[in-house]
Amino acid sequence: MASPQLEGFLQHVRGAGAFTGDIAAMRKMLDRSPAYPQPADITYEEVDAGGVPAEWVTPEGAVPGRAVLYCHGGGFATGSPATFRGLTTHLARTS
């Protein structure tokens, strides 16, 4: 049985008609997914990584000079830094 959070996300995806083959529509739908609330102990800084939109996700007390590079999936078609903030926030904290 799926969690209530997963069920809510799946309902959002189905309702948005995201899987019609329109890649631009899929990208927009994923970025409109329920936003991950910004925790008080995290900062997000949008950056350009050689022409690719990226962001630094930095928790309070982070060790300067250390980083984890997370490359999200999506088949070069969907997703953005905002889409994966929940995951990258947890990775930043635990790293």
PDB file of N, CA and C in Angstrom:
ATOM      1  N   MET A   1       0.841  -1.179   0.000  1.00  0.00           N
ATOM      2  CA  MET A   1       0.000   0.000   0.000  1.00  0.00           C
ATOM      3  C   MET A   1       0.890   1.249   0.000  1.00  0.00           C
ATOM      4  N   ALA A   2       0.600   2.167  -0.879  1.00  0.00           N
ATOM      5  CA  ALA A   2       1.391   3.392  -0.999  1.00  0.00           C
ATOM      6  C   ALA A   2       1.072   4.351   0.148  1.00  0.00           C
ATOM      7  N   SER A   3       2.056   5.180   0.485  1.00  0.00           N
ATOM      8  CA  SER A   3       1.861   6.178   1.531  1.00  0.00           C
ATOM      9  C   SER A   3       0.867   7.229   1.060  1.00  0.00           C
ATOM     10  N   PRO A   4       0.259   7.962   1.999  1.00  0.00           N
ATOM     11  CA  PRO A   4      -0.645   9.050   1.592  1.00  0.00           C
ATOM     12  C   PRO A   4       0.065  10.103   0.739  1.00  0.00           C
ATOM     13  N   GLN A   5       1.356  10.345   1.024  1.00  0.00           N
ATOM     14  CA  GLN A   5       2.115  11.331   0.248  1.00  0.00           C
ATOM     15  C   GLN A   5       2.270  10.867  -1.201  1.00  0.00           C
ATOM     16  N   LEU A   6       2.605   9.583  -1.379  1.00  0.00           N
ATOM     17  CA  LEU A   6       2.761   9.062  -2.735  1.00  0.00           C
ATOM     18  C   LEU A   6       1.425   9.066  -3.466  1.00  0.00           C
ATOM     19  N   GLU A   7       0.373   8.666  -2.783  1.00  0.00           N
ATOM     20  CA  GLU A   7      -0.948   8.680  -3.405  1.00  0.00           C
ATOM     21  C   GLU A   7      -1.330  10.092  -3.854  1.00  0.00           C
ATOM     22  N   GLY A   8      -1.035  11.092  -3.016  1.00  0.00           N
ATOM     23  CA  GLY A   8      -1.319  12.478  -3.377  1.00  0.00           C
ATOM     24  C   GLY A   8      -0.542  12.914  -4.601  1.00  0.00           C
ATOM     25  N   PHE A   9       0.732  12.530  -4.671  1.00  0.00           N
ATOM     26  CA  PHE A   9       1.556  12.879  -5.823  1.00  0.00           C
ATOM     27  C   PHE A   9       1.030  12.203  -7.084  1.00  0.00           C
ATOM     28  N   LEU A  10       0.710  10.913  -6.986  1.00  0.00           N
ATOM     29  CA  LEU A  10       0.204  10.194  -8.150  1.00  0.00           C
ATOM     30  C   LEU A  10      -1.114  10.783  -8.643  1.00  0.00           C
ATOM     31  N   GLN A  11      -1.959  11.178  -7.725  1.00  0.00           N
ATOM     32  CA  GLN A  11      -3.220  11.821  -8.101  1.00  0.00           C
ATOM     33  C   GLN A  11      -2.943  13.134  -8.835  1.00  0.00           C
ATOM     34  N   HIS A  12      -1.963  13.888  -8.342  1.00  0.00           N
ATOM     35  CA  HIS A  12      -1.575  15.145  -8.985  1.00  0.00           C
ATOM     36  C   HIS A  12      -1.081  14.886 -10.412  1.00  0.00           C
ATOM     37  N   VAL A  13      -0.233  13.875 -10.584  1.00  0.00           N
ATOM     38  CA  VAL A  13       0.320  13.554 -11.893  1.00  0.00           C
ATOM     39  C   VAL A  13      -0.789  13.131 -12.856  1.00  0.00           C
ATOM     40  N   ARG A  14      -1.653  12.234 -12.397  1.00  0.00           N
ATOM     41  CA  ARG A  14      -2.740  11.764 -13.263  1.00  0.00           C
ATOM     42  C   ARG A  14      -3.679  12.904 -13.641  1.00  0.00           C
ATOM     43  N   GLY A  15      -4.000  13.754 -12.683  1.00  0.00           N
ATOM     44  CA  GLY A  15      -4.920  14.864 -12.924  1.00  0.00           C
ATOM     45  C   GLY A  15      -4.356  15.912 -13.857  1.00  0.00           C
ATOM     46  N   ALA A  16      -3.031  16.023 -13.889  1.00  0.00           N
ATOM     47  CA  ALA A  16      -2.398  17.025 -14.739  1.00  0.00           C
ATOM     48  C   ALA A  16      -2.259  16.543 -16.179  1.00  0.00           C
ATOM     49  N   GLY A  17      -2.543  15.282 -16.421  1.00  0.00           N
ATOM     50  CA  GLY A  17      -2.403  14.746 -17.783  1.00  0.00           C
ATOM     51  C   GLY A  17      -0.972  14.796 -18.250  1.00  0.00           C
ATOM     52  N   ALA A  18      -0.038  14.531 -17.335  1.00  0.00           N
ATOM     53  CA  ALA A  18       1.376  14.718 -17.623  1.00  0.00           C
ATOM     54  C   ALA A  18       1.945  13.725 -18.621  1.00  0.00           C
ATOM     55  N   PHE A  19       1.367  12.574 -18.731  1.00  0.00           N
ATOM     56  CA  PHE A  19       1.982  11.549 -19.559  1.00  0.00           C
ATOM     57  C   PHE A  19       1.328  11.474 -20.931  1.00  0.00           C
ATOM     58  N   THR A  20       1.246  12.611 -21.582  1.00  0.00           N
ATOM     59  CA  THR A  20       0.638  12.696 -22.910  1.00  0.00           C
ATOM     60  C   THR A  20       1.685  12.663 -24.013  1.00  0.00           C
ATOM     61  N   GLY A  21       2.965  12.645 -23.642  1.00  0.00           N
ATOM     62  CA  GLY A  21       4.033  12.697 -24.627  1.00  0.00           C
ATOM     63  C   GLY A  21       4.553  14.108 -24.841  1.00  0.00           C
ATOM     64  N   ASP A  22       3.920  15.099 -24.244  1.00  0.00           N
ATOM     65  CA  ASP A  22       4.349  16.490 -24.366  1.00  0.00           C
ATOM     66  C   ASP A  22       5.382  16.763 -23.269  1.00  0.00           C
ATOM     67  N   ILE A  23       6.659  16.777 -23.647  1.00  0.00           N
ATOM     68  CA  ILE A  23       7.737  16.920 -22.668  1.00  0.00           C
ATOM     69  C   ILE A  23       7.659  18.246 -21.934  1.00  0.00           C
ATOM     70  N   ALA A  24       7.371  19.326 -22.633  1.00  0.00           N
ATOM     71  CA  ALA A  24       7.268  20.635 -21.971  1.00  0.00           C
ATOM     72  C   ALA A  24       6.164  20.614 -20.919  1.00  0.00           C
ATOM     73  N   ALA A  25       5.043  19.967 -21.223  1.00  0.00           N
ATOM     74  CA  ALA A  25       3.944  19.871 -20.255  1.00  0.00           C
ATOM     75  C   ALA A  25       4.350  19.043 -19.046  1.00  0.00           C
ATOM     76  N   MET A  26       5.114  17.957 -19.273  1.00  0.00           N
ATOM     77  CA  MET A  26       5.581  17.136 -18.150  1.00  0.00           C
ATOM     78  C   MET A  26       6.504  17.937 -17.239  1.00  0.00           C
ATOM     79  N   ARG A  27       7.417  18.704 -17.832  1.00  0.00           N
ATOM     80  CA  ARG A  27       8.328  19.519 -17.019  1.00  0.00           C
ATOM     81  C   ARG A  27       7.552  20.506 -16.157  1.00  0.00           C
ATOM     82  N   LYS A  28       6.603  21.194 -16.768  1.00  0.00           N
ATOM     83  CA  LYS A  28       5.800  22.182 -16.028  1.00  0.00           C
ATOM     84  C   LYS A  28       5.021  21.524 -14.906  1.00  0.00           C
ATOM     85  N   MET A  29       4.437  20.371 -15.184  1.00  0.00           N
ATOM     86  CA  MET A  29       3.642  19.683 -14.179  1.00  0.00           C
ATOM     87  C   MET A  29       4.510  19.279 -12.994  1.00  0.00           C
ATOM     88  N   LEU A  30       5.690  18.732 -13.255  1.00  0.00           N
ATOM     89  CA  LEU A  30       6.557  18.300 -12.162  1.00  0.00           C
ATOM     90  C   LEU A  30       7.016  19.484 -11.318  1.00  0.00           C
ATOM     91  N   ASP A  31       7.293  20.601 -11.952  1.00  0.00           N
ATOM     92  CA  ASP A  31       7.725  21.774 -11.197  1.00  0.00           C
ATOM     93  C   ASP A  31       6.574  22.423 -10.435  1.00  0.00           C
ATOM     94  N   ARG A  32       5.331  22.111 -10.804  1.00  0.00           N
ATOM     95  CA  ARG A  32       4.174  22.614 -10.062  1.00  0.00           C
ATOM     96  C   ARG A  32       3.733  21.638  -8.983  1.00  0.00           C
ATOM     97  N   SER A  33       4.420  20.512  -8.872  1.00  0.00           N
ATOM     98  CA  SER A  33       4.061  19.537  -7.841  1.00  0.00           C
ATOM     99  C   SER A  33       4.095  20.234  -6.497  1.00  0.00           C
ATOM    100  N   PRO A  34       3.412  19.668  -5.521  1.00  0.00           N
ATOM    101  CA  PRO A  34       3.397  20.331  -4.213  1.00  0.00           C
ATOM    102  C   PRO A  34       4.814  20.731  -3.798  1.00  0.00           C
ATOM    103  N   ALA A  35       4.991  22.012  -3.552  1.00  0.00           N
ATOM    104  CA  ALA A  35       6.321  22.550  -3.255  1.00  0.00           C
ATOM    105  C   ALA A  35       6.859  22.005  -1.943  1.00  0.00           C
ATOM    106  N   TYR A  36       8.153  21.769  -1.939  1.00  0.00           N
ATOM    107  CA  TYR A  36       8.812  21.340  -0.715  1.00  0.00           C
ATOM    108  C   TYR A  36       9.025  22.592   0.135  1.00  0.00           C
ATOM    109  N   PRO A  37       8.531  22.606   1.356  1.00  0.00           N
ATOM    110  CA  PRO A  37       8.689  23.815   2.174  1.00  0.00           C
ATOM    111  C   PRO A  37      10.161  24.045   2.505  1.00  0.00           C
ATOM    112  N   GLN A  38      10.594  25.291   2.408  1.00  0.00           N
ATOM    113  CA  GLN A  38      11.990  25.594   2.685  1.00  0.00           C
ATOM    114  C   GLN A  38      12.241  25.571   4.190  1.00  0.00           C
ATOM    115  N   PRO A  39      13.059  24.619   4.656  1.00  0.00           N
ATOM    116  CA  PRO A  39      13.381  24.584   6.075  1.00  0.00           C
ATOM    117  C   PRO A  39      14.227  25.792   6.467  1.00  0.00           C
ATOM    118  N   ALA A  40      14.108  26.209   7.705  1.00  0.00           N
ATOM    119  CA  ALA A  40      14.833  27.391   8.183  1.00  0.00           C
ATOM    120  C   ALA A  40      16.353  27.177   8.174  1.00  0.00           C
ATOM    121  N   ASP A  41      16.805  25.926   8.261  1.00  0.00           N
ATOM    122  CA  ASP A  41      18.244  25.660   8.361  1.00  0.00           C
ATOM    123  C   ASP A  41      18.902  25.360   7.016  1.00  0.00           C
ATOM    124  N   ILE A  42      18.196  25.592   5.914  1.00  0.00           N
ATOM    125  CA  ILE A  42      18.719  25.295   4.577  1.00  0.00           C
ATOM    126  C   ILE A  42      18.672  26.553   3.718  1.00  0.00           C
ATOM    127  N   THR A  43      19.724  26.767   2.922  1.00  0.00           N
ATOM    128  CA  THR A  43      19.677  27.825   1.915  1.00  0.00           C
ATOM    129  C   THR A  43      19.794  27.185   0.537  1.00  0.00           C
ATOM    130  N   TYR A  44      19.072  27.749  -0.423  1.00  0.00           N
ATOM    131  CA  TYR A  44      19.115  27.303  -1.808  1.00  0.00           C
ATOM    132  C   TYR A  44      19.650  28.453  -2.642  1.00  0.00           C
ATOM    133  N   GLU A  45      20.655  28.168  -3.464  1.00  0.00           N
ATOM    134  CA  GLU A  45      21.236  29.198  -4.329  1.00  0.00           C
ATOM    135  C   GLU A  45      21.232  28.681  -5.765  1.00  0.00           C
ATOM    136  N   GLU A  46      20.454  29.310  -6.622  1.00  0.00           N
ATOM    137  CA  GLU A  46      20.422  28.923  -8.028  1.00  0.00           C
ATOM    138  C   GLU A  46      21.726  29.331  -8.695  1.00  0.00           C
ATOM    139  N   VAL A  47      22.293  28.416  -9.485  1.00  0.00           N
ATOM    140  CA  VAL A  47      23.547  28.673 -10.187  1.00  0.00           C
ATOM    141  C   VAL A  47      23.466  28.103 -11.601  1.00  0.00           C
ATOM    142  N   ASP A  48      24.377  28.535 -12.451  1.00  0.00           N
ATOM    143  CA  ASP A  48      24.509  28.020 -13.802  1.00  0.00           C
ATOM    144  C   ASP A  48      25.734  27.109 -13.804  1.00  0.00           C
ATOM    145  N   ALA A  49      25.538  25.838 -14.096  1.00  0.00           N
ATOM    146  CA  ALA A  49      26.639  24.870 -14.130  1.00  0.00           C
ATOM    147  C   ALA A  49      26.980  24.571 -15.588  1.00  0.00           C
ATOM    148  N   GLY A  50      27.671  25.495 -16.211  1.00  0.00           N
ATOM    149  CA  GLY A  50      28.037  25.309 -17.609  1.00  0.00           C
ATOM    150  C   GLY A  50      26.850  25.252 -18.544  1.00  0.00           C
ATOM    151  N   GLY A  51      25.853  26.089 -18.287  1.00  0.00           N
ATOM    152  CA  GLY A  51      24.664  26.129 -19.127  1.00  0.00           C
ATOM    153  C   GLY A  51      23.525  25.257 -18.630  1.00  0.00           C
ATOM    154  N   VAL A  52      23.737  24.566 -17.524  1.00  0.00           N
ATOM    155  CA  VAL A  52      22.708  23.695 -16.952  1.00  0.00           C
ATOM    156  C   VAL A  52      22.208  24.322 -15.657  1.00  0.00           C
ATOM    157  N   PRO A  53      20.901  24.529 -15.520  1.00  0.00           N
ATOM    158  CA  PRO A  53      20.386  25.076 -14.262  1.00  0.00           C
ATOM    159  C   PRO A  53      20.711  24.119 -13.112  1.00  0.00           C
ATOM    160  N   ALA A  54      21.241  24.672 -12.030  1.00  0.00           N
ATOM    161  CA  ALA A  54      21.609  23.870 -10.861  1.00  0.00           C
ATOM    162  C   ALA A  54      21.395  24.717  -9.618  1.00  0.00           C
ATOM    163  N   GLU A  55      21.577  24.120  -8.466  1.00  0.00           N
ATOM    164  CA  GLU A  55      21.507  24.916  -7.247  1.00  0.00           C
ATOM    165  C   GLU A  55      22.348  24.288  -6.150  1.00  0.00           C
ATOM    166  N   TRP A  56      22.882  25.168  -5.310  1.00  0.00           N
ATOM    167  CA  TRP A  56      23.554  24.757  -4.091  1.00  0.00           C
ATOM    168  C   TRP A  56      22.492  24.623  -3.016  1.00  0.00           C
ATOM    169  N   VAL A  57      22.504  23.500  -2.319  1.00  0.00           N
ATOM    170  CA  VAL A  57      21.598  23.251  -1.197  1.00  0.00           C
ATOM    171  C   VAL A  57      22.513  23.127   0.019  1.00  0.00           C
ATOM    172  N   THR A  58      22.473  24.141   0.882  1.00  0.00           N
ATOM    173  CA  THR A  58      23.441  24.220   1.968  1.00  0.00           C
ATOM    174  C   THR A  58      22.758  24.251   3.328  1.00  0.00           C
ATOM    175  N   PRO A  59      23.023  23.236   4.154  1.00  0.00           N
ATOM    176  CA  PRO A  59      22.473  23.247   5.515  1.00  0.00           C
ATOM    177  C   PRO A  59      23.353  24.076   6.440  1.00  0.00           C
ATOM    178  N   GLU A  60      22.761  24.565   7.526  1.00  0.00           N
ATOM    179  CA  GLU A  60      23.555  25.258   8.537  1.00  0.00           C
ATOM    180  C   GLU A  60      24.634  24.310   9.027  1.00  0.00           C
ATOM    181  N   GLY A  61      25.812  24.844   9.269  1.00  0.00           N
ATOM    182  CA  GLY A  61      26.905  24.039   9.800  1.00  0.00           C
ATOM    183  C   GLY A  61      27.612  23.184   8.768  1.00  0.00           C
ATOM    184  N   ALA A  62      27.353  23.412   7.476  1.00  0.00           N
ATOM    185  CA  ALA A  62      28.018  22.631   6.430  1.00  0.00           C
ATOM    186  C   ALA A  62      29.522  22.879   6.473  1.00  0.00           C
ATOM    187  N   VAL A  63      30.284  21.850   6.163  1.00  0.00           N
ATOM    188  CA  VAL A  63      31.740  21.968   6.143  1.00  0.00           C
ATOM    189  C   VAL A  63      32.151  22.627   4.829  1.00  0.00           C
ATOM    190  N   PRO A  64      32.815  23.790   4.891  1.00  0.00           N
ATOM    191  CA  PRO A  64      33.234  24.474   3.662  1.00  0.00           C
ATOM    192  C   PRO A  64      34.138  23.579   2.809  1.00  0.00           C
ATOM    193  N   GLY A  65      33.951  23.642   1.508  1.00  0.00           N
ATOM    194  CA  GLY A  65      34.791  22.885   0.591  1.00  0.00           C
ATOM    195  C   GLY A  65      34.328  21.457   0.331  1.00  0.00           C
ATOM    196  N   ARG A  66      33.258  21.023   0.990  1.00  0.00           N
ATOM    197  CA  ARG A  66      32.731  19.680   0.751  1.00  0.00           C
ATOM    198  C   ARG A  66      31.399  19.784   0.032  1.00  0.00           C
ATOM    199  N   ALA A  67      31.171  18.872  -0.908  1.00  0.00           N
ATOM    200  CA  ALA A  67      29.925  18.903  -1.670  1.00  0.00           C
ATOM    201  C   ALA A  67      29.573  17.507  -2.142  1.00  0.00           C
ATOM    202  N   VAL A  68      28.312  17.302  -2.395  1.00  0.00           N
ATOM    203  CA  VAL A  68      27.807  16.090  -3.024  1.00  0.00           C
ATOM    204  C   VAL A  68      27.153  16.523  -4.326  1.00  0.00           C
ATOM    205  N   LEU A  69      27.510  15.895  -5.425  1.00  0.00           N
ATOM    206  CA  LEU A  69      26.890  16.199  -6.704  1.00  0.00           C
ATOM    207  C   LEU A  69      25.761  15.206  -6.917  1.00  0.00           C
ATOM    208  N   TYR A  70      24.538  15.714  -7.008  1.00  0.00           N
ATOM    209  CA  TYR A  70      23.381  14.865  -7.261  1.00  0.00           C
ATOM    210  C   TYR A  70      22.859  15.177  -8.658  1.00  0.00           C
ATOM    211  N   CYS A  71      22.832  14.184  -9.509  1.00  0.00           N
ATOM    212  CA  CYS A  71      22.296  14.330 -10.864  1.00  0.00           C
ATOM    213  C   CYS A  71      20.983  13.561 -10.912  1.00  0.00           C
ATOM    214  N   HIS A  72      19.887  14.298 -11.023  1.00  0.00           N
ATOM    215  CA  HIS A  72      18.573  13.655 -10.996  1.00  0.00           C
ATOM    216  C   HIS A  72      18.297  12.903 -12.287  1.00  0.00           C
ATOM    217  N   GLY A  73      17.366  11.975 -12.190  1.00  0.00           N
ATOM    218  CA  GLY A  73      16.911  11.246 -13.367  1.00  0.00           C
ATOM    219  C   GLY A  73      15.923  12.081 -14.149  1.00  0.00           C
ATOM    220  N   GLY A  74      15.361  11.514 -15.157  1.00  0.00           N
ATOM    221  CA  GLY A  74      14.365  12.207 -15.958  1.00  0.00           C
ATOM    222  C   GLY A  74      14.624  12.068 -17.446  1.00  0.00           C
ATOM    223  N   GLY A  75      15.652  11.297 -17.791  1.00  0.00           N
ATOM    224  CA  GLY A  75      15.907  11.026 -19.203  1.00  0.00           C
ATOM    225  C   GLY A  75      16.173  12.261 -20.041  1.00  0.00           C
ATOM    226  N   PHE A  76      16.795  13.283 -19.457  1.00  0.00           N
ATOM    227  CA  PHE A  76      17.071  14.537 -20.155  1.00  0.00           C
ATOM    228  C   PHE A  76      15.802  15.177 -20.686  1.00  0.00           C
ATOM    229  N   ALA A  77      14.679  14.867 -20.035  1.00  0.00           N
ATOM    230  CA  ALA A  77      13.405  15.397 -20.506  1.00  0.00           C
ATOM    231  C   ALA A  77      12.622  16.100 -19.406  1.00  0.00           C
ATOM    232  N   THR A  78      12.681  15.599 -18.182  1.00  0.00           N
ATOM    233  CA  THR A  78      11.869  16.170 -17.110  1.00  0.00           C
ATOM    234  C   THR A  78      12.707  16.391 -15.864  1.00  0.00           C
ATOM    235  N   GLY A  79      12.157  17.191 -14.984  1.00  0.00           N
ATOM    236  CA  GLY A  79      12.802  17.444 -13.702  1.00  0.00           C
ATOM    237  C   GLY A  79      13.614  18.722 -13.711  1.00  0.00           C
ATOM    238  N   SER A  80      13.860  19.223 -12.497  1.00  0.00           N
ATOM    239  CA  SER A  80      14.654  20.429 -12.306  1.00  0.00           C
ATOM    240  C   SER A  80      15.148  20.400 -10.859  1.00  0.00           C
ATOM    241  N   PRO A  81      16.007  21.329 -10.474  1.00  0.00           N
ATOM    242  CA  PRO A  81      16.411  21.361  -9.064  1.00  0.00           C
ATOM    243  C   PRO A  81      15.220  21.467  -8.110  1.00  0.00           C
ATOM    244  N   ALA A  82      14.209  22.237  -8.497  1.00  0.00           N
ATOM    245  CA  ALA A  82      13.039  22.396  -7.625  1.00  0.00           C
ATOM    246  C   ALA A  82      12.278  21.088  -7.459  1.00  0.00           C
ATOM    247  N   THR A  83      12.227  20.286  -8.498  1.00  0.00           N
ATOM    248  CA  THR A  83      11.504  19.021  -8.459  1.00  0.00           C
ATOM    249  C   THR A  83      12.062  18.092  -7.389  1.00  0.00           C
ATOM    250  N   PHE A  84      13.367  18.145  -7.152  1.00  0.00           N
ATOM    251  CA  PHE A  84      14.033  17.194  -6.268  1.00  0.00           C
ATOM    252  C   PHE A  84      14.506  17.807  -4.951  1.00  0.00           C
ATOM    253  N   ARG A  85      13.957  18.962  -4.581  1.00  0.00           N
ATOM    254  CA  ARG A  85      14.411  19.628  -3.354  1.00  0.00           C
ATOM    255  C   ARG A  85      14.252  18.789  -2.090  1.00  0.00           C
ATOM    256  N   GLY A  86      13.173  18.045  -2.004  1.00  0.00           N
ATOM    257  CA  GLY A  86      12.990  17.195  -0.824  1.00  0.00           C
ATOM    258  C   GLY A  86      14.159  16.243  -0.656  1.00  0.00           C
ATOM    259  N   LEU A  87      14.535  15.568  -1.722  1.00  0.00           N
ATOM    260  CA  LEU A  87      15.639  14.618  -1.677  1.00  0.00           C
ATOM    261  C   LEU A  87      16.970  15.321  -1.446  1.00  0.00           C
ATOM    262  N   THR A  88      17.246  16.390  -2.201  1.00  0.00           N
ATOM    263  CA  THR A  88      18.548  17.046  -2.056  1.00  0.00           C
ATOM    264  C   THR A  88      18.710  17.700  -0.688  1.00  0.00           C
ATOM    265  N   THR A  89      17.615  18.143  -0.100  1.00  0.00           N
ATOM    266  CA  THR A  89      17.685  18.697   1.255  1.00  0.00           C
ATOM    267  C   THR A  89      18.113  17.627   2.240  1.00  0.00           C
ATOM    268  N   HIS A  90      17.517  16.444   2.122  1.00  0.00           N
ATOM    269  CA  HIS A  90      17.903  15.341   3.022  1.00  0.00           C
ATOM    270  C   HIS A  90      19.337  14.887   2.770  1.00  0.00           C
ATOM    271  N   LEU A  91      19.768  14.847   1.507  1.00  0.00           N
ATOM    272  CA  LEU A  91      21.145  14.477   1.200  1.00  0.00           C
ATOM    273  C   LEU A  91      22.126  15.484   1.796  1.00  0.00           C
ATOM    274  N   ALA A  92      21.809  16.768   1.664  1.00  0.00           N
ATOM    275  CA  ALA A  92      22.705  17.806   2.188  1.00  0.00           C
ATOM    276  C   ALA A  92      22.854  17.701   3.697  1.00  0.00           C
ATOM    277  N   ARG A  93      21.749  17.478   4.377  1.00  0.00           N
ATOM    278  CA  ARG A  93      21.812  17.370   5.838  1.00  0.00           C
ATOM    279  C   ARG A  93      22.598  16.157   6.309  1.00  0.00           C
ATOM    280  N   THR A  94      22.393  15.031   5.667  1.00  0.00           N
ATOM    281  CA  THR A  94      23.028  13.798   6.139  1.00  0.00           C
ATOM    282  C   THR A  94      24.460  13.649   5.666  1.00  0.00           C
ATOM    283  N   SER A  95      24.856  14.463   4.708  1.00  0.00           N
ATOM    284  CA  SER A  95      26.224  14.371   4.194  1.00  0.00           C
ATOM    285  C   SER A  95      27.155  15.211   5.015  1.00  0.00           C
TER     286      SER A  95
END
